[in-house]
Amino acid sequence: MAAAYVISYDLRKARSYDTLIKQLRDWGCVSPLESLWFGYLNGPAAAIRDGLMKHIDADDGLVVIEVKPTSDWAIFKANESFADWLRKYVGP
């Protein structure tokens, strides 16, 4: 079942973002800030992590967390389309 997830990464040495970003975009994820993405995806979080790990190096960091409906949120200097995404998948 699909749910909202927040995904963040830290590419430490090689810093090749291309295939990782392509995968996130192919999944329909949105990025309000550098290295921070949100997606409405089929989980669980471990499966999403595993799908992204082939696009990063062994020394990189990756975090995937499910965001529950009605989670509290606030944004600053993020585009309005991201706020719309949050309202749609998380709540007011």
PDB file of N, CA and C in Angstrom:
ATOM      1  N   MET A   1       0.845  -1.181   0.000  1.00  0.00           N
ATOM      2  CA  MET A   1       0.000   0.000   0.000  1.00  0.00           C
ATOM      3  C   MET A   1       0.893   1.247   0.000  1.00  0.00           C
ATOM      4  N   ALA A   2       0.507   2.235  -0.761  1.00  0.00           N
ATOM      5  CA  ALA A   2       1.293   3.462  -0.896  1.00  0.00           C
ATOM      6  C   ALA A   2       1.134   4.342   0.341  1.00  0.00           C
ATOM      7  N   ALA A   3       2.204   5.062   0.631  1.00  0.00           N
ATOM      8  CA  ALA A   3       2.230   5.998   1.750  1.00  0.00           C
ATOM      9  C   ALA A   3       3.207   7.113   1.406  1.00  0.00           C
ATOM     10  N   ALA A   4       3.151   8.186   2.167  1.00  0.00           N
ATOM     11  CA  ALA A   4       4.093   9.295   1.983  1.00  0.00           C
ATOM     12  C   ALA A   4       5.395   8.962   2.710  1.00  0.00           C
ATOM     13  N   TYR A   5       6.507   9.210   2.036  1.00  0.00           N
ATOM     14  CA  TYR A   5       7.826   8.963   2.620  1.00  0.00           C
ATOM     15  C   TYR A   5       8.706  10.182   2.416  1.00  0.00           C
ATOM     16  N   VAL A   6       9.559  10.435   3.394  1.00  0.00           N
ATOM     17  CA  VAL A   6      10.607  11.433   3.258  1.00  0.00           C
ATOM     18  C   VAL A   6      11.910  10.663   3.039  1.00  0.00           C
ATOM     19  N   ILE A   7      12.703  11.136   2.092  1.00  0.00           N
ATOM     20  CA  ILE A   7      13.960  10.490   1.728  1.00  0.00           C
ATOM     21  C   ILE A   7      15.047  11.558   1.756  1.00  0.00           C
ATOM     22  N   SER A   8      16.123  11.257   2.460  1.00  0.00           N
ATOM     23  CA  SER A   8      17.260  12.169   2.507  1.00  0.00           C
ATOM     24  C   SER A   8      18.532  11.362   2.302  1.00  0.00           C
ATOM     25  N   TYR A   9      19.513  11.992   1.674  1.00  0.00           N
ATOM     26  CA  TYR A   9      20.766  11.289   1.411  1.00  0.00           C
ATOM     27  C   TYR A   9      21.943  12.224   1.612  1.00  0.00           C
ATOM     28  N   ASP A  10      23.082  11.603   1.864  1.00  0.00           N
ATOM     29  CA  ASP A  10      24.341  12.327   2.012  1.00  0.00           C
ATOM     30  C   ASP A  10      25.368  11.575   1.174  1.00  0.00           C
ATOM     31  N   LEU A  11      25.687  12.108   0.003  1.00  0.00           N
ATOM     32  CA  LEU A  11      26.678  11.490  -0.872  1.00  0.00           C
ATOM     33  C   LEU A  11      28.026  12.068  -0.484  1.00  0.00           C
ATOM     34  N   ARG A  12      28.915  11.230   0.020  1.00  0.00           N
ATOM     35  CA  ARG A  12      30.095  11.722   0.715  1.00  0.00           C
ATOM     36  C   ARG A  12      31.329  11.938  -0.144  1.00  0.00           C
ATOM     37  N   LYS A  13      31.711  11.021  -0.990  1.00  0.00           N
ATOM     38  CA  LYS A  13      32.980  11.200  -1.720  1.00  0.00           C
ATOM     39  C   LYS A  13      32.764  11.436  -3.209  1.00  0.00           C
ATOM     40  N   ALA A  14      32.212  10.460  -3.914  1.00  0.00           N
ATOM     41  CA  ALA A  14      32.088  10.563  -5.372  1.00  0.00           C
ATOM     42  C   ALA A  14      31.102  11.648  -5.785  1.00  0.00           C
ATOM     43  N   ARG A  15      30.039  11.826  -5.012  1.00  0.00           N
ATOM     44  CA  ARG A  15      29.037  12.867  -5.229  1.00  0.00           C
ATOM     45  C   ARG A  15      28.412  12.847  -6.620  1.00  0.00           C
ATOM     46  N   SER A  16      28.100  11.662  -7.097  1.00  0.00           N
ATOM     47  CA  SER A  16      27.410  11.518  -8.371  1.00  0.00           C
ATOM     48  C   SER A  16      25.919  11.336  -8.092  1.00  0.00           C
ATOM     49  N   TYR A  17      25.159  12.392  -8.294  1.00  0.00           N
ATOM     50  CA  TYR A  17      23.739  12.398  -7.964  1.00  0.00           C
ATOM     51  C   TYR A  17      22.840  11.929  -9.111  1.00  0.00           C
ATOM     52  N   ASP A  18      23.348  11.868 -10.317  1.00  0.00           N
ATOM     53  CA  ASP A  18      22.510  11.716 -11.506  1.00  0.00           C
ATOM     54  C   ASP A  18      21.562  10.531 -11.462  1.00  0.00           C
ATOM     55  N   THR A  19      22.058   9.320 -11.220  1.00  0.00           N
ATOM     56  CA  THR A  19      21.168   8.156 -11.278  1.00  0.00           C
ATOM     57  C   THR A  19      20.210   8.122 -10.090  1.00  0.00           C
ATOM     58  N   LEU A  20      20.660   8.596  -8.928  1.00  0.00           N
ATOM     59  CA  LEU A  20      19.787   8.654  -7.763  1.00  0.00           C
ATOM     60  C   LEU A  20      18.637   9.629  -8.005  1.00  0.00           C
ATOM     61  N   ILE A  21      18.951  10.804  -8.485  1.00  0.00           N
ATOM     62  CA  ILE A  21      17.910  11.801  -8.760  1.00  0.00           C
ATOM     63  C   ILE A  21      16.969  11.323  -9.856  1.00  0.00           C
ATOM     64  N   LYS A  22      17.517  10.691 -10.877  1.00  0.00           N
ATOM     65  CA  LYS A  22      16.664  10.147 -11.941  1.00  0.00           C
ATOM     66  C   LYS A  22      15.677   9.133 -11.373  1.00  0.00           C
ATOM     67  N   GLN A  23      16.149   8.245 -10.507  1.00  0.00           N
ATOM     68  CA  GLN A  23      15.254   7.251  -9.906  1.00  0.00           C
ATOM     69  C   GLN A  23      14.163   7.922  -9.090  1.00  0.00           C
ATOM     70  N   LEU A  24      14.524   8.893  -8.271  1.00  0.00           N
ATOM     71  CA  LEU A  24      13.524   9.598  -7.466  1.00  0.00           C
ATOM     72  C   LEU A  24      12.494  10.301  -8.354  1.00  0.00           C
ATOM     73  N   ARG A  25      12.957  10.949  -9.408  1.00  0.00           N
ATOM     74  CA  ARG A  25      12.016  11.615 -10.333  1.00  0.00           C
ATOM     75  C   ARG A  25      11.144  10.604 -11.051  1.00  0.00           C
ATOM     76  N   ASP A  26      11.726   9.485 -11.459  1.00  0.00           N
ATOM     77  CA  ASP A  26      10.937   8.434 -12.115  1.00  0.00           C
ATOM     78  C   ASP A  26       9.838   7.909 -11.202  1.00  0.00           C
ATOM     79  N   TRP A  27      10.096   7.908  -9.915  1.00  0.00           N
ATOM     80  CA  TRP A  27       9.092   7.480  -8.942  1.00  0.00           C
ATOM     81  C   TRP A  27       8.073   8.578  -8.647  1.00  0.00           C
ATOM     82  N   GLY A  28       8.248   9.767  -9.206  1.00  0.00           N
ATOM     83  CA  GLY A  28       7.323  10.866  -8.976  1.00  0.00           C
ATOM     84  C   GLY A  28       7.576  11.638  -7.695  1.00  0.00           C
ATOM     85  N   CYS A  29       8.768  11.523  -7.142  1.00  0.00           N
ATOM     86  CA  CYS A  29       9.105  12.233  -5.906  1.00  0.00           C
ATOM     87  C   CYS A  29       9.318  13.716  -6.184  1.00  0.00           C
ATOM     88  N   VAL A  30       9.161  14.521  -5.139  1.00  0.00           N
ATOM     89  CA  VAL A  30       9.369  15.966  -5.222  1.00  0.00           C
ATOM     90  C   VAL A  30      10.457  16.368  -4.240  1.00  0.00           C
ATOM     91  N   SER A  31      11.202  17.429  -4.587  1.00  0.00           N
ATOM     92  CA  SER A  31      12.332  17.851  -3.777  1.00  0.00           C
ATOM     93  C   SER A  31      12.188  19.307  -3.364  1.00  0.00           C
ATOM     94  N   PRO A  32      11.841  19.579  -2.096  1.00  0.00           N
ATOM     95  CA  PRO A  32      11.728  20.968  -1.653  1.00  0.00           C
ATOM     96  C   PRO A  32      13.077  21.596  -1.311  1.00  0.00           C
ATOM     97  N   LEU A  33      14.080  20.768  -0.986  1.00  0.00           N
ATOM     98  CA  LEU A  33      15.405  21.233  -0.604  1.00  0.00           C
ATOM     99  C   LEU A  33      16.443  20.258  -1.160  1.00  0.00           C
ATOM    100  N   GLU A  34      17.674  20.733  -1.292  1.00  0.00           N
ATOM    101  CA  GLU A  34      18.733  19.872  -1.790  1.00  0.00           C
ATOM    102  C   GLU A  34      18.886  18.643  -0.884  1.00  0.00           C
ATOM    103  N   SER A  35      18.954  17.482  -1.485  1.00  0.00           N
ATOM    104  CA  SER A  35      19.137  16.204  -0.786  1.00  0.00           C
ATOM    105  C   SER A  35      17.931  15.774   0.046  1.00  0.00           C
ATOM    106  N   LEU A  36      16.788  16.426  -0.116  1.00  0.00           N
ATOM    107  CA  LEU A  36      15.572  16.062   0.606  1.00  0.00           C
ATOM    108  C   LEU A  36      14.451  15.846  -0.397  1.00  0.00           C
ATOM    109  N   TRP A  37      13.830  14.689  -0.347  1.00  0.00           N
ATOM    110  CA  TRP A  37      12.777  14.322  -1.285  1.00  0.00           C
ATOM    111  C   TRP A  37      11.586  13.758  -0.526  1.00  0.00           C
ATOM    112  N   PHE A  38      10.417  13.903  -1.121  1.00  0.00           N
ATOM    113  CA  PHE A  38       9.204  13.296  -0.604  1.00  0.00           C
ATOM    114  C   PHE A  38       8.553  12.519  -1.742  1.00  0.00           C
ATOM    115  N   GLY A  39       8.003  11.364  -1.422  1.00  0.00           N
ATOM    116  CA  GLY A  39       7.332  10.582  -2.441  1.00  0.00           C
ATOM    117  C   GLY A  39       6.156   9.836  -1.862  1.00  0.00           C
ATOM    118  N   TYR A  40       5.142   9.650  -2.678  1.00  0.00           N
ATOM    119  CA  TYR A  40       4.012   8.796  -2.320  1.00  0.00           C
ATOM    120  C   TYR A  40       4.295   7.468  -3.002  1.00  0.00           C
ATOM    121  N   LEU A  41       4.813   6.516  -2.221  1.00  0.00           N
ATOM    122  CA  LEU A  41       5.415   5.309  -2.774  1.00  0.00           C
ATOM    123  C   LEU A  41       4.886   4.051  -2.105  1.00  0.00           C
ATOM    124  N   ASN A  42       5.040   2.939  -2.788  1.00  0.00           N
ATOM    125  CA  ASN A  42       4.749   1.643  -2.193  1.00  0.00           C
ATOM    126  C   ASN A  42       5.928   1.243  -1.320  1.00  0.00           C
ATOM    127  N   GLY A  43       5.675   1.031  -0.045  1.00  0.00           N
ATOM    128  CA  GLY A  43       6.714   0.662   0.914  1.00  0.00           C
ATOM    129  C   GLY A  43       6.874  -0.835   1.003  1.00  0.00           C
ATOM    130  N   PRO A  44       7.472  -1.279   2.050  1.00  0.00           N
ATOM    131  CA  PRO A  44       7.871  -0.544   3.233  1.00  0.00           C
ATOM    132  C   PRO A  44       9.139   0.282   3.008  1.00  0.00           C
ATOM    133  N   ALA A  45       9.527   1.034   4.037  1.00  0.00           N
ATOM    134  CA  ALA A  45      10.695   1.910   3.932  1.00  0.00           C
ATOM    135  C   ALA A  45      11.945   1.138   3.530  1.00  0.00           C
ATOM    136  N   ALA A  46      12.112  -0.077   4.041  1.00  0.00           N
ATOM    137  CA  ALA A  46      13.299  -0.879   3.712  1.00  0.00           C
ATOM    138  C   ALA A  46      13.354  -1.204   2.224  1.00  0.00           C
ATOM    139  N   ALA A  47      12.216  -1.440   1.604  1.00  0.00           N
ATOM    140  CA  ALA A  47      12.191  -1.732   0.158  1.00  0.00           C
ATOM    141  C   ALA A  47      12.567  -0.489  -0.649  1.00  0.00           C
ATOM    142  N   ILE A  48      12.108   0.670  -0.224  1.00  0.00           N
ATOM    143  CA  ILE A  48      12.475   1.926  -0.893  1.00  0.00           C
ATOM    144  C   ILE A  48      13.974   2.157  -0.744  1.00  0.00           C
ATOM    145  N   ARG A  49      14.463   1.989   0.480  1.00  0.00           N
ATOM    146  CA  ARG A  49      15.908   2.115   0.722  1.00  0.00           C
ATOM    147  C   ARG A  49      16.696   1.182  -0.188  1.00  0.00           C
ATOM    148  N   ASP A  50      16.289  -0.076  -0.248  1.00  0.00           N
ATOM    149  CA  ASP A  50      17.004  -1.061  -1.070  1.00  0.00           C
ATOM    150  C   ASP A  50      16.975  -0.681  -2.541  1.00  0.00           C
ATOM    151  N   GLY A  51      15.868  -0.121  -3.014  1.00  0.00           N
ATOM    152  CA  GLY A  51      15.769   0.308  -4.398  1.00  0.00           C
ATOM    153  C   GLY A  51      16.679   1.476  -4.728  1.00  0.00           C
ATOM    154  N   LEU A  52      16.969   2.304  -3.728  1.00  0.00           N
ATOM    155  CA  LEU A  52      17.838   3.462  -3.941  1.00  0.00           C
ATOM    156  C   LEU A  52      19.310   3.154  -3.703  1.00  0.00           C
ATOM    157  N   MET A  53      19.606   2.123  -2.932  1.00  0.00           N
ATOM    158  CA  MET A  53      20.994   1.825  -2.579  1.00  0.00           C
ATOM    159  C   MET A  53      21.858   1.487  -3.785  1.00  0.00           C
ATOM    160  N   LYS A  54      21.260   0.989  -4.853  1.00  0.00           N
ATOM    161  CA  LYS A  54      22.054   0.674  -6.046  1.00  0.00           C
ATOM    162  C   LYS A  54      22.531   1.938  -6.771  1.00  0.00           C
ATOM    163  N   HIS A  55      22.042   3.107  -6.337  1.00  0.00           N
ATOM    164  CA  HIS A  55      22.414   4.379  -6.959  1.00  0.00           C
ATOM    165  C   HIS A  55      23.380   5.201  -6.106  1.00  0.00           C
ATOM    166  N   ILE A  56      23.827   4.633  -4.984  1.00  0.00           N
ATOM    167  CA  ILE A  56      24.761   5.339  -4.114  1.00  0.00           C
ATOM    168  C   ILE A  56      25.958   4.452  -3.817  1.00  0.00           C
ATOM    169  N   ASP A  57      27.003   5.045  -3.279  1.00  0.00           N
ATOM    170  CA  ASP A  57      28.202   4.296  -2.913  1.00  0.00           C
ATOM    171  C   ASP A  57      28.107   3.793  -1.475  1.00  0.00           C
ATOM    172  N   ALA A  58      28.995   2.858  -1.109  1.00  0.00           N
ATOM    173  CA  ALA A  58      28.974   2.237   0.211  1.00  0.00           C
ATOM    174  C   ALA A  58      29.226   3.236   1.343  1.00  0.00           C
ATOM    175  N   ASP A  59      29.894   4.351   1.072  1.00  0.00           N
ATOM    176  CA  ASP A  59      30.175   5.329   2.125  1.00  0.00           C
ATOM    177  C   ASP A  59      29.102   6.415   2.242  1.00  0.00           C
ATOM    178  N   ASP A  60      28.094   6.393   1.391  1.00  0.00           N
ATOM    179  CA  ASP A  60      27.025   7.390   1.413  1.00  0.00           C
ATOM    180  C   ASP A  60      25.998   7.065   2.494  1.00  0.00           C
ATOM    181  N   GLY A  61      25.203   8.050   2.869  1.00  0.00           N
ATOM    182  CA  GLY A  61      24.130   7.860   3.835  1.00  0.00           C
ATOM    183  C   GLY A  61      22.772   7.997   3.174  1.00  0.00           C
ATOM    184  N   LEU A  62      21.785   7.284   3.698  1.00  0.00           N
ATOM    185  CA  LEU A  62      20.431   7.296   3.137  1.00  0.00           C
ATOM    186  C   LEU A  62      19.433   7.074   4.266  1.00  0.00           C
ATOM    187  N   VAL A  63      18.379   7.904   4.289  1.00  0.00           N
ATOM    188  CA  VAL A  63      17.323   7.782   5.290  1.00  0.00           C
ATOM    189  C   VAL A  63      15.983   7.771   4.571  1.00  0.00           C
ATOM    190  N   VAL A  64      15.113   6.825   4.943  1.00  0.00           N
ATOM    191  CA  VAL A  64      13.753   6.743   4.407  1.00  0.00           C
ATOM    192  C   VAL A  64      12.808   6.607   5.600  1.00  0.00           C
ATOM    193  N   ILE A  65      11.865   7.541   5.722  1.00  0.00           N
ATOM    194  CA  ILE A  65      10.940   7.547   6.854  1.00  0.00           C
ATOM    195  C   ILE A  65       9.518   7.740   6.332  1.00  0.00           C
ATOM    196  N   GLU A  66       8.604   6.908   6.804  1.00  0.00           N
ATOM    197  CA  GLU A  66       7.192   7.085   6.439  1.00  0.00           C
ATOM    198  C   GLU A  66       6.622   8.280   7.202  1.00  0.00           C
ATOM    199  N   VAL A  67       5.868   9.106   6.491  1.00  0.00           N
ATOM    200  CA  VAL A  67       5.183  10.256   7.079  1.00  0.00           C
ATOM    201  C   VAL A  67       3.702   9.904   7.155  1.00  0.00           C
ATOM    202  N   LYS A  68       3.177   9.885   8.344  1.00  0.00           N
ATOM    203  CA  LYS A  68       1.782   9.495   8.550  1.00  0.00           C
ATOM    204  C   LYS A  68       0.823  10.639   8.203  1.00  0.00           C
ATOM    205  N   PRO A  69      -0.362  10.287   7.704  1.00  0.00           N
ATOM    206  CA  PRO A  69      -1.378  11.326   7.478  1.00  0.00           C
ATOM    207  C   PRO A  69      -1.627  12.093   8.781  1.00  0.00           C
ATOM    208  N   THR A  70      -1.847  13.347   8.653  1.00  0.00           N
ATOM    209  CA  THR A  70      -2.070  14.296   9.738  1.00  0.00           C
ATOM    210  C   THR A  70      -0.804  14.611  10.532  1.00  0.00           C
ATOM    211  N   SER A  71       0.387  14.206  10.031  1.00  0.00           N
ATOM    212  CA  SER A  71       1.627  14.637  10.679  1.00  0.00           C
ATOM    213  C   SER A  71       1.700  16.156  10.653  1.00  0.00           C
ATOM    214  N   ASP A  72       2.235  16.717  11.690  1.00  0.00           N
ATOM    215  CA  ASP A  72       2.399  18.164  11.755  1.00  0.00           C
ATOM    216  C   ASP A  72       3.566  18.567  10.856  1.00  0.00           C
ATOM    217  N   TRP A  73       3.445  19.688  10.162  1.00  0.00           N
ATOM    218  CA  TRP A  73       4.531  20.151   9.298  1.00  0.00           C
ATOM    219  C   TRP A  73       4.483  21.671   9.166  1.00  0.00           C
ATOM    220  N   ALA A  74       5.620  22.226   8.848  1.00  0.00           N
ATOM    221  CA  ALA A  74       5.755  23.651   8.558  1.00  0.00           C
ATOM    222  C   ALA A  74       6.911  23.789   7.582  1.00  0.00           C
ATOM    223  N   ILE A  75       6.817  24.739   6.680  1.00  0.00           N
ATOM    224  CA  ILE A  75       7.883  24.947   5.700  1.00  0.00           C
ATOM    225  C   ILE A  75       8.267  26.422   5.659  1.00  0.00           C
ATOM    226  N   PHE A  76       9.479  26.679   5.169  1.00  0.00           N
ATOM    227  CA  PHE A  76       9.967  28.037   4.988  1.00  0.00           C
ATOM    228  C   PHE A  76      10.791  28.047   3.711  1.00  0.00           C
ATOM    229  N   LYS A  77      10.459  28.921   2.800  1.00  0.00           N
ATOM    230  CA  LYS A  77      11.157  29.062   1.520  1.00  0.00           C
ATOM    231  C   LYS A  77      11.159  27.780   0.701  1.00  0.00           C
ATOM    232  N   ALA A  78      10.048  27.089   0.710  1.00  0.00           N
ATOM    233  CA  ALA A  78       9.845  25.962  -0.196  1.00  0.00           C
ATOM    234  C   ALA A  78       8.735  26.380  -1.152  1.00  0.00           C
ATOM    235  N   ASN A  79       8.764  25.863  -2.369  1.00  0.00           N
ATOM    236  CA  ASN A  79       7.796  26.330  -3.349  1.00  0.00           C
ATOM    237  C   ASN A  79       6.381  25.877  -3.010  1.00  0.00           C
ATOM    238  N   GLU A  80       5.419  26.608  -3.521  1.00  0.00           N
ATOM    239  CA  GLU A  80       4.013  26.349  -3.215  1.00  0.00           C
ATOM    240  C   GLU A  80       3.569  24.985  -3.727  1.00  0.00           C
ATOM    241  N   SER A  81       4.156  24.492  -4.806  1.00  0.00           N
ATOM    242  CA  SER A  81       3.770  23.170  -5.298  1.00  0.00           C
ATOM    243  C   SER A  81       4.133  22.089  -4.284  1.00  0.00           C
ATOM    244  N   PHE A  82       5.218  22.286  -3.522  1.00  0.00           N
ATOM    245  CA  PHE A  82       5.543  21.322  -2.479  1.00  0.00           C
ATOM    246  C   PHE A  82       4.528  21.394  -1.353  1.00  0.00           C
ATOM    247  N   ALA A  83       4.108  22.583  -0.974  1.00  0.00           N
ATOM    248  CA  ALA A  83       3.066  22.716   0.047  1.00  0.00           C
ATOM    249  C   ALA A  83       1.792  22.018  -0.406  1.00  0.00           C
ATOM    250  N   ASP A  84       1.460  22.124  -1.677  1.00  0.00           N
ATOM    251  CA  ASP A  84       0.294  21.423  -2.217  1.00  0.00           C
ATOM    252  C   ASP A  84       0.467  19.913  -2.082  1.00  0.00           C
ATOM    253  N   TRP A  85       1.686  19.413  -2.363  1.00  0.00           N
ATOM    254  CA  TRP A  85       1.965  17.975  -2.227  1.00  0.00           C
ATOM    255  C   TRP A  85       1.735  17.541  -0.786  1.00  0.00           C
ATOM    256  N   LEU A  86       2.246  18.322   0.174  1.00  0.00           N
ATOM    257  CA  LEU A  86       2.061  17.981   1.580  1.00  0.00           C
ATOM    258  C   LEU A  86       0.578  17.960   1.963  1.00  0.00           C
ATOM    259  N   ARG A  87      -0.163  18.946   1.518  1.00  0.00           N
ATOM    260  CA  ARG A  87      -1.598  18.987   1.820  1.00  0.00           C
ATOM    261  C   ARG A  87      -2.304  17.759   1.248  1.00  0.00           C
ATOM    262  N   LYS A  88      -1.901  17.337   0.067  1.00  0.00           N
ATOM    263  CA  LYS A  88      -2.543  16.205  -0.589  1.00  0.00           C
ATOM    264  C   LYS A  88      -2.250  14.884   0.119  1.00  0.00           C
ATOM    265  N   TYR A  89      -0.985  14.647   0.470  1.00  0.00           N
ATOM    266  CA  TYR A  89      -0.575  13.338   0.966  1.00  0.00           C
ATOM    267  C   TYR A  89      -0.403  13.253   2.487  1.00  0.00           C
ATOM    268  N   VAL A  90      -0.288  14.400   3.155  1.00  0.00           N
ATOM    269  CA  VAL A  90      -0.071  14.378   4.591  1.00  0.00           C
ATOM    270  C   VAL A  90      -1.250  14.996   5.342  1.00  0.00           C
ATOM    271  N   GLY A  91      -1.702  16.147   4.874  1.00  0.00           N
ATOM    272  CA  GLY A  91      -2.835  16.790   5.515  1.00  0.00           C
ATOM    273  C   GLY A  91      -2.576  18.276   5.701  1.00  0.00           C
ATOM    274  N   PRO A  92      -3.580  18.977   6.184  1.00  0.00           N
ATOM    275  CA  PRO A  92      -3.471  20.432   6.328  1.00  0.00           C
ATOM    276  C   PRO A  92      -2.431  20.871   7.337  1.00  0.00           C
TER     277      PRO A  92
END
